[in-house]
Amino acid sequence: MLGKFGDMMGKLQEMKKKADEIKLKLDDTILKIDGAGGDIIIEITGNKKVKSLVIASGLQHGDKEELEEQLTVTLNKAIQAADKLNEEEMKKAAGGMLPGM
């Protein structure tokens, strides 16, 4: 009985180590997402930390509501891309350790 428990604990430790490695990898992975026809550029990590936000000068002097809407759309697009990357990395890691995932 203890053998199976020990095996399970070893597997859990291995999974935690792999998850920590993926988190570090995602911290270093930068996604560059553009919106508003390229007038807004957001750089975000795979762990959803915004690294930079660039707004073209033409948008800075325009309609405030339009700028807010474009920023919201582009930020959501960036977060969705980071979520997808994060999910793909976790599935790859889990697939090797947990068959059927």
Protein backbone atom coordinates (compact mmCIF):
# COMPACT_ATOMS: atom_id res chain seq x y z
CA MET A 1 0.00 0.00 0.00
CA LEU A 2 2.78 2.41 0.94
CA GLY A 3 4.45 1.69 -2.39
CA LYS A 4 1.47 2.94 -4.36
CA PHE A 5 1.19 6.02 -2.13
CA GLY A 6 4.90 6.70 -2.62
CA ASP A 7 4.51 6.35 -6.38
CA MET A 8 1.59 8.78 -6.32
CA MET A 9 3.56 11.30 -4.23
CA GLY A 10 6.46 11.02 -6.64
CA LYS A 11 4.11 11.64 -9.57
CA LEU A 12 2.62 14.69 -7.82
CA GLN A 13 6.07 16.11 -7.13
CA GLU A 14 7.04 15.55 -10.74
CA MET A 15 3.84 17.29 -11.91
CA LYS A 16 4.51 20.27 -9.63
CA LYS A 17 8.07 20.56 -10.92
CA LYS A 18 6.82 20.45 -14.51
CA ALA A 19 4.13 23.08 -13.76
CA ASP A 20 6.79 25.35 -12.22
CA GLU A 21 8.97 24.92 -15.32
CA ILE A 22 6.04 25.80 -17.58
CA LYS A 23 5.25 28.89 -15.51
CA LEU A 24 8.84 30.11 -15.93
CA LYS A 25 8.69 29.39 -19.66
CA LEU A 26 5.40 31.30 -19.98
CA ASP A 27 6.87 34.23 -18.02
CA ASP A 28 9.58 34.45 -20.70
CA THR A 29 7.23 33.98 -23.66
CA ILE A 30 6.04 37.31 -25.07
CA LEU A 31 3.01 37.46 -27.38
CA LYS A 32 2.70 40.54 -29.57
CA ILE A 33 -0.96 41.31 -30.30
CA ASP A 34 -2.20 44.16 -32.45
CA GLY A 35 -5.60 45.78 -32.76
CA ALA A 36 -7.29 48.78 -34.36
CA GLY A 37 -5.59 47.97 -37.66
CA GLY A 38 -2.15 47.90 -36.04
CA ASP A 39 -2.62 51.22 -34.22
CA ILE A 40 -2.58 49.44 -30.84
CA ILE A 41 0.14 46.92 -29.98
CA ILE A 42 0.18 44.96 -26.74
CA GLU A 43 2.96 42.69 -25.57
CA ILE A 44 1.82 40.16 -22.96
CA THR A 45 3.48 37.13 -21.39
CA GLY A 46 2.04 33.64 -21.51
CA ASN A 47 1.09 34.23 -17.86
CA LYS A 48 -1.03 37.29 -18.75
CA LYS A 49 1.30 40.06 -17.56
CA VAL A 50 1.12 43.07 -19.88
CA LYS A 51 4.68 44.09 -20.74
CA SER A 52 3.99 47.02 -23.04
CA LEU A 53 1.19 48.96 -24.65
CA VAL A 54 1.76 51.16 -27.69
CA ILE A 55 -0.92 53.47 -29.07
CA ALA A 56 -0.38 55.20 -32.41
CA SER A 57 -0.38 58.97 -32.12
CA GLY A 58 -3.39 59.23 -34.44
CA LEU A 59 -5.55 57.38 -31.92
CA GLN A 60 -4.37 59.46 -28.99
CA HIS A 61 -6.06 62.62 -30.25
CA GLY A 62 -9.27 61.06 -31.51
CA ASP A 63 -12.54 60.02 -29.96
CA LYS A 64 -12.05 58.93 -26.32
CA GLU A 65 -14.82 56.30 -26.45
CA GLU A 66 -13.42 54.79 -29.65
CA LEU A 67 -9.96 54.53 -28.10
CA GLU A 68 -11.37 52.90 -24.97
CA GLU A 69 -13.32 50.40 -27.06
CA GLN A 70 -10.29 49.54 -29.21
CA LEU A 71 -8.11 49.13 -26.11
CA THR A 72 -10.66 46.82 -24.50
CA VAL A 73 -10.95 44.69 -27.64
CA THR A 74 -7.17 44.46 -28.04
CA LEU A 75 -6.54 43.67 -24.36
CA ASN A 76 -9.14 40.91 -24.46
CA LYS A 77 -7.55 39.54 -27.63
CA ALA A 78 -4.15 39.51 -25.90
CA ILE A 79 -5.53 37.76 -22.80
CA GLN A 80 -7.25 35.13 -24.96
CA ALA A 81 -3.99 34.45 -26.81
CA ALA A 82 -2.12 34.09 -23.50
CA ASP A 83 -4.84 31.77 -22.15
CA LYS A 84 -4.60 29.59 -25.25
CA LEU A 85 -0.80 29.37 -25.02
CA ASN A 86 -1.00 28.58 -21.30
CA GLU A 87 -3.59 25.85 -21.88
CA GLU A 88 -1.56 24.29 -24.72
CA GLU A 89 1.59 24.17 -22.60
CA MET A 90 -0.23 22.60 -19.65
CA LYS A 91 -1.88 19.99 -21.90
CA LYS A 92 1.50 19.06 -23.38
CA ALA A 93 2.97 18.59 -19.91
CA ALA A 94 -0.03 16.68 -18.56
CA GLY A 95 -0.22 14.47 -21.64
CA GLY A 96 3.19 13.01 -20.90
CA MET A 97 2.34 12.35 -17.27
CA LEU A 98 -1.37 11.59 -17.29
CA PRO A 99 -2.45 9.46 -20.24
CA GLY A 100 -5.77 10.47 -21.71
CA MET A 101 -5.44 14.19 -20.89
